[in-house]
Amino acid sequence: MSFPLASRRQALAGATALATTSIILANEAAKAASGVGGINAIPELAPQWKELDLGEILSRPAAFMSVSQNKSLYDAGGVQAGEKHRERGSLPATVKVVAAARKARNFRSFNWIGYEVFREDYPQSDFDRVQYASWVKGLNFTPEMKKKDGELVGELRALVQPEDNEFNELALQTAFAGTQLPLELSRKRIQTIVLTGIHLDWCIEGNARAARDAGYLPIVIGDACACQKPEQEAAAMERINNFFAPVISSDRFVELLSRKV
């Protein structure tokens, strides 16, 4: 029995596509099984942090900062949805952190900090102009789609309370420049800042560095953060943990906080 050439080509194309899909799924499964990224990437505390009582540090006047946990990264149709953060654990870990912090009376400030990729109206240097344009090159988003892309993801939107702060980062990698955050932290006599969000090696590291330089005590919740790719997370967490701020898990955070509630 013979088949037309077109049918054979279609069958071959279908088999190739199926094989490619199987390889992708196998690679993702292998990556998950090998413990790449997320909770598996959190390093042992650097020696200097072991000298501290982190439970006591977390009992001081504290602020929570969620950075760039937008629909763009978590929801289908988002500009950055291809990074698959909804499947990678940062969202439930963040919910766990917020629930514990709400119960602790020393958490005086909750800040939900957005990060837009559509920045046509932002003040821009020449570097900013070409970099911001590269993020959205070739995209055909309506104003409504752009607005939705920058909204806080639904699971976290449900946790926002009226007295919380909501604003966008205006600089490339920090919420400490051009926003109300420095005044908020100063007026509430904040000492400790707990950070969650995306991207770990960009906004989270940038904010941890800025917090340290401003005299605060930042603590990064490793599994409530993520890089663009899971395999980038171990190096980012190690760098932050070695030099700028302790990196701990959401479970460790809850444990430490429970001692002081």
C-alpha atoms as a PDB file:
ATOM      1  CA  MET A   1       0.000   0.000   0.000  1.00  0.00           C
ATOM      2  CA  SER A   2       1.386   3.385  -0.949  1.00  0.00           C
ATOM      3  CA  PHE A   3       0.642   6.909   0.323  1.00  0.00           C
ATOM      4  CA  PRO A   4       0.830  10.201  -1.544  1.00  0.00           C
ATOM      5  CA  LEU A   5       4.069  12.111  -1.029  1.00  0.00           C
ATOM      6  CA  ALA A   6       2.227  14.908   0.816  1.00  0.00           C
ATOM      7  CA  SER A   7       0.748  12.411   3.289  1.00  0.00           C
ATOM      8  CA  ARG A   8       4.178  10.930   3.990  1.00  0.00           C
ATOM      9  CA  ARG A   9       5.547  14.415   4.598  1.00  0.00           C
ATOM     10  CA  GLN A  10       2.680  15.214   6.950  1.00  0.00           C
ATOM     11  CA  ALA A  11       3.210  11.981   8.843  1.00  0.00           C
ATOM     12  CA  LEU A  12       6.941  12.669   9.110  1.00  0.00           C
ATOM     13  CA  ALA A  13       6.301  16.213  10.303  1.00  0.00           C
ATOM     14  CA  GLY A  14       3.834  14.952  12.902  1.00  0.00           C
ATOM     15  CA  ALA A  15       6.266  12.323  14.145  1.00  0.00           C
ATOM     16  CA  THR A  16       9.050  14.914  14.346  1.00  0.00           C
ATOM     17  CA  ALA A  17       6.854  17.314  16.298  1.00  0.00           C
ATOM     18  CA  LEU A  18       5.815  14.528  18.661  1.00  0.00           C
ATOM     19  CA  ALA A  19       9.425  13.501  19.198  1.00  0.00           C
ATOM     20  CA  THR A  20      10.459  17.114  19.826  1.00  0.00           C
ATOM     21  CA  THR A  21       7.665  17.565  22.362  1.00  0.00           C
ATOM     22  CA  SER A  22       8.682  14.337  24.101  1.00  0.00           C
ATOM     23  CA  ILE A  23      12.283  15.516  24.317  1.00  0.00           C
ATOM     24  CA  ILE A  24      11.234  18.881  25.791  1.00  0.00           C
ATOM     25  CA  LEU A  25       9.014  17.209  28.379  1.00  0.00           C
ATOM     26  CA  ALA A  26      11.748  14.721  29.229  1.00  0.00           C
ATOM     27  CA  ASN A  27      14.259  17.535  29.669  1.00  0.00           C
ATOM     28  CA  GLU A  28      11.882  19.440  31.951  1.00  0.00           C
ATOM     29  CA  ALA A  29      11.198  16.317  34.006  1.00  0.00           C
ATOM     30  CA  ALA A  30      14.916  15.578  34.278  1.00  0.00           C
ATOM     31  CA  LYS A  31      15.598  19.141  35.348  1.00  0.00           C
ATOM     32  CA  ALA A  32      12.941  18.940  38.074  1.00  0.00           C
ATOM     33  CA  ALA A  33      14.212  15.560  39.240  1.00  0.00           C
ATOM     34  CA  SER A  34      17.788  16.822  39.407  1.00  0.00           C
ATOM     35  CA  GLY A  35      16.774  19.600  41.779  1.00  0.00           C
ATOM     36  CA  VAL A  36      17.651  22.561  39.564  1.00  0.00           C
ATOM     37  CA  GLY A  37      16.516  25.934  40.888  1.00  0.00           C
ATOM     38  CA  GLY A  38      13.921  26.944  43.440  1.00  0.00           C
ATOM     39  CA  ILE A  39      14.102  25.398  46.890  1.00  0.00           C
ATOM     40  CA  ASN A  40      16.967  23.174  45.692  1.00  0.00           C
ATOM     41  CA  ALA A  41      19.162  26.176  44.862  1.00  0.00           C
ATOM     42  CA  ILE A  42      19.117  27.764  48.326  1.00  0.00           C
ATOM     43  CA  PRO A  43      22.677  27.662  49.697  1.00  0.00           C
ATOM     44  CA  GLU A  44      23.883  27.069  53.219  1.00  0.00           C
ATOM     45  CA  LEU A  45      24.028  30.324  55.134  1.00  0.00           C
ATOM     46  CA  ALA A  46      27.299  32.137  54.629  1.00  0.00           C
ATOM     47  CA  PRO A  47      29.529  32.055  57.744  1.00  0.00           C
ATOM     48  CA  GLN A  48      28.880  35.689  58.661  1.00  0.00           C
ATOM     49  CA  TRP A  49      25.102  35.185  58.815  1.00  0.00           C
ATOM     50  CA  LYS A  50      25.573  32.215  61.143  1.00  0.00           C
ATOM     51  CA  GLU A  51      26.888  34.705  63.696  1.00  0.00           C
ATOM     52  CA  LEU A  52      23.432  36.313  63.820  1.00  0.00           C
ATOM     53  CA  ASP A  53      20.166  35.337  65.469  1.00  0.00           C
ATOM     54  CA  LEU A  54      17.931  35.611  62.411  1.00  0.00           C
ATOM     55  CA  GLY A  55      14.860  35.029  64.559  1.00  0.00           C
ATOM     56  CA  GLU A  56      15.735  38.152  66.524  1.00  0.00           C
ATOM     57  CA  ILE A  57      16.460  40.071  63.303  1.00  0.00           C
ATOM     58  CA  LEU A  58      12.997  39.092  62.060  1.00  0.00           C
ATOM     59  CA  SER A  59      11.388  40.295  65.296  1.00  0.00           C
ATOM     60  CA  ARG A  60      12.488  43.886  64.656  1.00  0.00           C
ATOM     61  CA  PRO A  61      10.261  46.440  62.856  1.00  0.00           C
ATOM     62  CA  ALA A  62       9.936  44.812  59.438  1.00  0.00           C
ATOM     63  CA  ALA A  63       8.690  45.366  55.916  1.00  0.00           C
ATOM     64  CA  PHE A  64       7.617  42.887  53.260  1.00  0.00           C
ATOM     65  CA  MET A  65       8.415  43.605  49.602  1.00  0.00           C
ATOM     66  CA  SER A  66       6.991  41.626  46.680  1.00  0.00           C
ATOM     67  CA  VAL A  67       8.735  42.754  43.502  1.00  0.00           C
ATOM     68  CA  SER A  68       7.520  42.170  39.948  1.00  0.00           C
ATOM     69  CA  GLN A  69       5.125  39.316  40.687  1.00  0.00           C
ATOM     70  CA  ASN A  70       2.892  40.350  37.825  1.00  0.00           C
ATOM     71  CA  LYS A  71       0.548  38.595  35.442  1.00  0.00           C
ATOM     72  CA  SER A  72       3.218  39.129  32.787  1.00  0.00           C
ATOM     73  CA  LEU A  73       5.224  36.325  34.396  1.00  0.00           C
ATOM     74  CA  TYR A  74       2.542  34.007  35.736  1.00  0.00           C
ATOM     75  CA  ASP A  75      -0.512  34.130  33.469  1.00  0.00           C
ATOM     76  CA  ALA A  76      -1.076  32.783  29.968  1.00  0.00           C
ATOM     77  CA  GLY A  77      -0.647  35.533  27.398  1.00  0.00           C
ATOM     78  CA  GLY A  78       1.803  37.482  29.529  1.00  0.00           C
ATOM     79  CA  VAL A  79       4.875  38.871  27.810  1.00  0.00           C
ATOM     80  CA  GLN A  80       7.119  36.745  30.044  1.00  0.00           C
ATOM     81  CA  ALA A  81       4.798  33.763  30.513  1.00  0.00           C
ATOM     82  CA  GLY A  82       7.186  31.546  28.555  1.00  0.00           C
ATOM     83  CA  GLU A  83       9.427  31.469  31.632  1.00  0.00           C
ATOM     84  CA  LYS A  84       6.722  29.306  33.272  1.00  0.00           C
ATOM     85  CA  HIS A  85       6.950  30.814  36.748  1.00  0.00           C
ATOM     86  CA  ARG A  86       3.511  29.517  37.679  1.00  0.00           C
ATOM     87  CA  GLU A  87       4.982  26.007  37.493  1.00  0.00           C
ATOM     88  CA  ARG A  88       8.170  26.820  39.407  1.00  0.00           C
ATOM     89  CA  GLY A  89       7.038  27.408  43.001  1.00  0.00           C
ATOM     90  CA  SER A  90       7.660  31.085  43.739  1.00  0.00           C
ATOM     91  CA  LEU A  91       3.949  31.907  43.954  1.00  0.00           C
ATOM     92  CA  PRO A  92       2.862  29.442  46.701  1.00  0.00           C
ATOM     93  CA  ALA A  93       6.063  30.219  48.615  1.00  0.00           C
ATOM     94  CA  THR A  94       5.206  33.927  48.522  1.00  0.00           C
ATOM     95  CA  VAL A  95       1.661  33.249  49.741  1.00  0.00           C
ATOM     96  CA  LYS A  96       3.167  31.291  52.661  1.00  0.00           C
ATOM     97  CA  VAL A  97       5.492  34.182  53.537  1.00  0.00           C
ATOM     98  CA  VAL A  98       2.709  36.770  53.453  1.00  0.00           C
ATOM     99  CA  ALA A  99       0.417  34.652  55.634  1.00  0.00           C
ATOM    100  CA  ALA A 100       3.132  34.331  58.287  1.00  0.00           C
ATOM    101  CA  ALA A 101       4.131  38.001  58.126  1.00  0.00           C
ATOM    102  CA  ARG A 102       0.516  39.149  58.539  1.00  0.00           C
ATOM    103  CA  LYS A 103       0.371  37.306  61.873  1.00  0.00           C
ATOM    104  CA  ALA A 104       3.528  38.981  63.141  1.00  0.00           C
ATOM    105  CA  ARG A 105       2.801  42.332  64.770  1.00  0.00           C
ATOM    106  CA  ASN A 106       6.254  43.687  63.956  1.00  0.00           C
ATOM    107  CA  PHE A 107       5.581  43.660  60.178  1.00  0.00           C
ATOM    108  CA  ARG A 108       4.551  47.271  59.746  1.00  0.00           C
ATOM    109  CA  SER A 109       4.783  47.700  55.987  1.00  0.00           C
ATOM    110  CA  PHE A 110       3.584  45.558  53.067  1.00  0.00           C
ATOM    111  CA  ASN A 111       4.681  46.695  49.616  1.00  0.00           C
ATOM    112  CA  TRP A 112       3.508  45.261  46.288  1.00  0.00           C
ATOM    113  CA  ILE A 113       5.939  46.600  43.721  1.00  0.00           C
ATOM    114  CA  GLY A 114       5.178  46.159  40.052  1.00  0.00           C
ATOM    115  CA  TYR A 115       7.573  46.125  37.132  1.00  0.00           C
ATOM    116  CA  GLU A 116       6.309  47.080  33.684  1.00  0.00           C
ATOM    117  CA  VAL A 117       7.912  45.909  30.468  1.00  0.00           C
ATOM    118  CA  PHE A 118       5.945  48.455  28.423  1.00  0.00           C
ATOM    119  CA  ARG A 119       7.768  51.673  29.316  1.00  0.00           C
ATOM    120  CA  GLU A 120       6.997  54.100  26.506  1.00  0.00           C
ATOM    121  CA  ASP A 121       6.149  56.866  28.990  1.00  0.00           C
ATOM    122  CA  TYR A 122       9.059  56.323  31.399  1.00  0.00           C
ATOM    123  CA  PRO A 123      11.935  58.846  31.574  1.00  0.00           C
ATOM    124  CA  GLN A 124      14.739  57.194  29.623  1.00  0.00           C
ATOM    125  CA  SER A 125      18.453  57.499  29.072  1.00  0.00           C
ATOM    126  CA  ASP A 126      19.895  56.288  25.789  1.00  0.00           C
ATOM    127  CA  PHE A 127      20.648  52.934  27.452  1.00  0.00           C
ATOM    128  CA  ASP A 128      17.083  52.703  28.779  1.00  0.00           C
ATOM    129  CA  ARG A 129      15.564  53.588  25.403  1.00  0.00           C
ATOM    130  CA  VAL A 130      17.185  50.731  23.514  1.00  0.00           C
ATOM    131  CA  GLN A 131      16.851  48.209  26.353  1.00  0.00           C
ATOM    132  CA  TYR A 132      13.167  48.889  27.056  1.00  0.00           C
ATOM    133  CA  ALA A 133      12.395  48.761  23.333  1.00  0.00           C
ATOM    134  CA  SER A 134      14.074  45.368  23.038  1.00  0.00           C
ATOM    135  CA  TRP A 135      11.738  43.857  25.650  1.00  0.00           C
ATOM    136  CA  VAL A 136       8.623  44.482  23.576  1.00  0.00           C
ATOM    137  CA  LYS A 137       9.960  44.424  20.028  1.00  0.00           C
ATOM    138  CA  GLY A 138       7.468  42.806  17.679  1.00  0.00           C
ATOM    139  CA  LEU A 139       4.647  42.675  20.229  1.00  0.00           C
ATOM    140  CA  ASN A 140       1.232  43.995  19.247  1.00  0.00           C
ATOM    141  CA  PHE A 141      -0.457  44.672  22.598  1.00  0.00           C
ATOM    142  CA  THR A 142      -3.448  46.953  23.001  1.00  0.00           C
ATOM    143  CA  PRO A 143      -3.494  49.443  25.899  1.00  0.00           C
ATOM    144  CA  GLU A 144      -5.814  47.065  27.763  1.00  0.00           C
ATOM    145  CA  MET A 145      -3.430  44.148  27.250  1.00  0.00           C
ATOM    146  CA  LYS A 146      -0.472  46.238  28.421  1.00  0.00           C
ATOM    147  CA  LYS A 147      -2.345  47.227  31.572  1.00  0.00           C
ATOM    148  CA  LYS A 148      -3.265  43.627  32.338  1.00  0.00           C
ATOM    149  CA  ASP A 149       0.315  42.457  31.750  1.00  0.00           C
ATOM    150  CA  GLY A 150       1.544  44.747  34.523  1.00  0.00           C
ATOM    151  CA  GLU A 151      -1.115  43.848  37.102  1.00  0.00           C
ATOM    152  CA  LEU A 152      -0.324  41.924  40.282  1.00  0.00           C
ATOM    153  CA  VAL A 153      -1.040  38.208  39.798  1.00  0.00           C
ATOM    154  CA  GLY A 154      -4.434  37.121  41.120  1.00  0.00           C
ATOM    155  CA  GLU A 155      -3.278  34.913  43.999  1.00  0.00           C
ATOM    156  CA  LEU A 156      -1.333  37.833  45.462  1.00  0.00           C
ATOM    157  CA  ARG A 157      -3.996  40.415  44.610  1.00  0.00           C
ATOM    158  CA  ALA A 158      -6.280  38.490  46.964  1.00  0.00           C
ATOM    159  CA  LEU A 159      -3.799  39.124  49.807  1.00  0.00           C
ATOM    160  CA  VAL A 160      -3.557  42.904  49.427  1.00  0.00           C
ATOM    161  CA  GLN A 161      -5.055  44.943  52.259  1.00  0.00           C
ATOM    162  CA  PRO A 162      -6.217  48.606  52.114  1.00  0.00           C
ATOM    163  CA  GLU A 163      -3.256  49.934  54.116  1.00  0.00           C
ATOM    164  CA  ASP A 164      -0.676  48.218  51.870  1.00  0.00           C
ATOM    165  CA  ASN A 165       1.401  50.134  49.338  1.00  0.00           C
ATOM    166  CA  GLU A 166       1.168  49.456  45.604  1.00  0.00           C
ATOM    167  CA  PHE A 167       3.478  51.128  43.117  1.00  0.00           C
ATOM    168  CA  ASN A 168       5.833  50.335  40.253  1.00  0.00           C
ATOM    169  CA  GLU A 169       9.595  50.343  40.115  1.00  0.00           C
ATOM    170  CA  LEU A 170      10.726  53.271  38.000  1.00  0.00           C
ATOM    171  CA  ALA A 171      14.431  52.474  37.838  1.00  0.00           C
ATOM    172  CA  LEU A 172      16.017  49.495  36.104  1.00  0.00           C
ATOM    173  CA  GLN A 173      16.469  47.257  39.160  1.00  0.00           C
ATOM    174  CA  THR A 174      15.506  48.987  42.390  1.00  0.00           C
ATOM    175  CA  ALA A 175      12.418  50.316  44.156  1.00  0.00           C
ATOM    176  CA  PHE A 176      14.541  52.709  46.211  1.00  0.00           C
ATOM    177  CA  ALA A 177      14.877  55.268  43.393  1.00  0.00           C
ATOM    178  CA  GLY A 178      12.039  57.620  42.499  1.00  0.00           C
ATOM    179  CA  THR A 179       9.303  55.949  44.579  1.00  0.00           C
ATOM    180  CA  GLN A 180       7.671  56.483  47.973  1.00  0.00           C
ATOM    181  CA  LEU A 181       9.482  53.454  49.437  1.00  0.00           C
ATOM    182  CA  PRO A 182      12.342  55.275  51.248  1.00  0.00           C
ATOM    183  CA  LEU A 183       9.894  57.590  53.019  1.00  0.00           C
ATOM    184  CA  GLU A 184       7.598  54.676  53.899  1.00  0.00           C
ATOM    185  CA  LEU A 185      10.438  52.718  55.481  1.00  0.00           C
ATOM    186  CA  SER A 186      11.816  55.739  57.310  1.00  0.00           C
ATOM    187  CA  ARG A 187       8.494  56.859  58.792  1.00  0.00           C
ATOM    188  CA  LYS A 188       7.725  53.375  60.074  1.00  0.00           C
ATOM    189  CA  ARG A 189      11.218  52.933  61.547  1.00  0.00           C
ATOM    190  CA  ILE A 190      11.786  49.758  59.544  1.00  0.00           C
ATOM    191  CA  GLN A 191      14.957  47.781  60.187  1.00  0.00           C
ATOM    192  CA  THR A 192      14.402  44.413  58.464  1.00  0.00           C
ATOM    193  CA  ILE A 193      13.166  43.913  54.889  1.00  0.00           C
ATOM    194  CA  VAL A 194      11.917  40.560  53.565  1.00  0.00           C
ATOM    195  CA  LEU A 195      12.092  40.195  49.794  1.00  0.00           C
ATOM    196  CA  THR A 196      10.203  37.953  47.369  1.00  0.00           C
ATOM    197  CA  GLY A 197       9.787  38.217  43.610  1.00  0.00           C
ATOM    198  CA  ILE A 198      11.221  38.055  40.137  1.00  0.00           C
ATOM    199  CA  HIS A 199      13.808  38.262  38.767  1.00  0.00           C
ATOM    200  CA  LEU A 200      16.145  37.044  41.492  1.00  0.00           C
ATOM    201  CA  ASP A 201      19.335  38.124  39.723  1.00  0.00           C
ATOM    202  CA  TRP A 202      17.935  41.496  38.736  1.00  0.00           C
ATOM    203  CA  CYS A 203      15.307  43.275  40.852  1.00  0.00           C
ATOM    204  CA  ILE A 204      15.716  41.114  43.951  1.00  0.00           C
ATOM    205  CA  GLU A 205      19.501  41.336  43.992  1.00  0.00           C
ATOM    206  CA  GLY A 206      19.295  45.028  43.104  1.00  0.00           C
ATOM    207  CA  ASN A 207      16.893  45.767  45.936  1.00  0.00           C
ATOM    208  CA  ALA A 208      18.885  43.667  48.417  1.00  0.00           C
ATOM    209  CA  ARG A 209      22.012  45.656  47.548  1.00  0.00           C
ATOM    210  CA  ALA A 210      20.167  48.968  47.778  1.00  0.00           C
ATOM    211  CA  ALA A 211      18.622  47.996  51.115  1.00  0.00           C
ATOM    212  CA  ARG A 212      22.034  47.100  52.543  1.00  0.00           C
ATOM    213  CA  ASP A 213      23.542  50.370  51.351  1.00  0.00           C
ATOM    214  CA  ALA A 214      20.632  52.280  52.920  1.00  0.00           C
ATOM    215  CA  GLY A 215      21.282  50.634  56.297  1.00  0.00           C
ATOM    216  CA  TYR A 216      18.519  48.035  56.280  1.00  0.00           C
ATOM    217  CA  LEU A 217      18.756  44.301  56.977  1.00  0.00           C
ATOM    218  CA  PRO A 218      17.410  42.508  53.886  1.00  0.00           C
ATOM    219  CA  ILE A 219      16.513  38.826  53.913  1.00  0.00           C
ATOM    220  CA  VAL A 220      15.764  37.063  50.616  1.00  0.00           C
ATOM    221  CA  ILE A 221      13.281  34.177  50.523  1.00  0.00           C
ATOM    222  CA  GLY A 222      14.961  31.985  47.921  1.00  0.00           C
ATOM    223  CA  ASP A 223      12.077  29.727  46.894  1.00  0.00           C
ATOM    224  CA  ALA A 224       9.742  32.752  46.654  1.00  0.00           C
ATOM    225  CA  CYS A 225      12.026  34.184  43.959  1.00  0.00           C
ATOM    226  CA  ALA A 226      13.197  33.034  40.535  1.00  0.00           C
ATOM    227  CA  CYS A 227      15.539  33.848  37.679  1.00  0.00           C
ATOM    228  CA  GLN A 228      14.550  33.756  34.038  1.00  0.00           C
ATOM    229  CA  LYS A 229      15.873  30.181  33.925  1.00  0.00           C
ATOM    230  CA  PRO A 230      16.005  27.680  36.819  1.00  0.00           C
ATOM    231  CA  GLU A 231      19.642  26.827  36.141  1.00  0.00           C
ATOM    232  CA  GLN A 232      20.624  30.458  36.833  1.00  0.00           C
ATOM    233  CA  GLU A 233      19.245  30.470  40.362  1.00  0.00           C
ATOM    234  CA  ALA A 234      21.959  28.652  42.298  1.00  0.00           C
ATOM    235  CA  ALA A 235      24.642  31.123  41.227  1.00  0.00           C
ATOM    236  CA  ALA A 236      22.388  34.107  41.944  1.00  0.00           C
ATOM    237  CA  MET A 237      21.446  32.860  45.407  1.00  0.00           C
ATOM    238  CA  GLU A 238      25.055  32.058  46.218  1.00  0.00           C
ATOM    239  CA  ARG A 239      26.175  35.553  45.190  1.00  0.00           C
ATOM    240  CA  ILE A 240      23.441  37.282  47.206  1.00  0.00           C
ATOM    241  CA  ASN A 241      23.985  35.023  50.214  1.00  0.00           C
ATOM    242  CA  ASN A 242      27.764  35.438  50.177  1.00  0.00           C
ATOM    243  CA  PHE A 243      27.857  39.209  49.959  1.00  0.00           C
ATOM    244  CA  PHE A 244      24.574  41.073  50.456  1.00  0.00           C
ATOM    245  CA  ALA A 245      21.863  39.283  52.420  1.00  0.00           C
ATOM    246  CA  PRO A 246      20.934  35.928  53.965  1.00  0.00           C
ATOM    247  CA  VAL A 247      18.982  33.670  51.606  1.00  0.00           C
ATOM    248  CA  ILE A 248      16.542  31.351  53.369  1.00  0.00           C
ATOM    249  CA  SER A 249      13.526  29.233  52.439  1.00  0.00           C
ATOM    250  CA  SER A 250       9.896  30.146  53.048  1.00  0.00           C
ATOM    251  CA  ASP A 251       9.630  27.267  55.530  1.00  0.00           C
ATOM    252  CA  ARG A 252      12.661  28.560  57.437  1.00  0.00           C
ATOM    253  CA  PHE A 253      11.132  32.043  57.466  1.00  0.00           C
ATOM    254  CA  VAL A 254       7.895  30.718  58.954  1.00  0.00           C
ATOM    255  CA  GLU A 255       9.852  28.733  61.526  1.00  0.00           C
ATOM    256  CA  LEU A 256      11.978  31.711  62.596  1.00  0.00           C
ATOM    257  CA  LEU A 257       8.994  34.025  62.732  1.00  0.00           C
ATOM    258  CA  SER A 258       6.919  31.617  64.807  1.00  0.00           C
ATOM    259  CA  ARG A 259       9.450  31.853  67.629  1.00  0.00           C
ATOM    260  CA  LYS A 260       8.834  35.578  67.973  1.00  0.00           C
ATOM    261  CA  VAL A 261       5.122  35.994  67.206  1.00  0.00           C
END
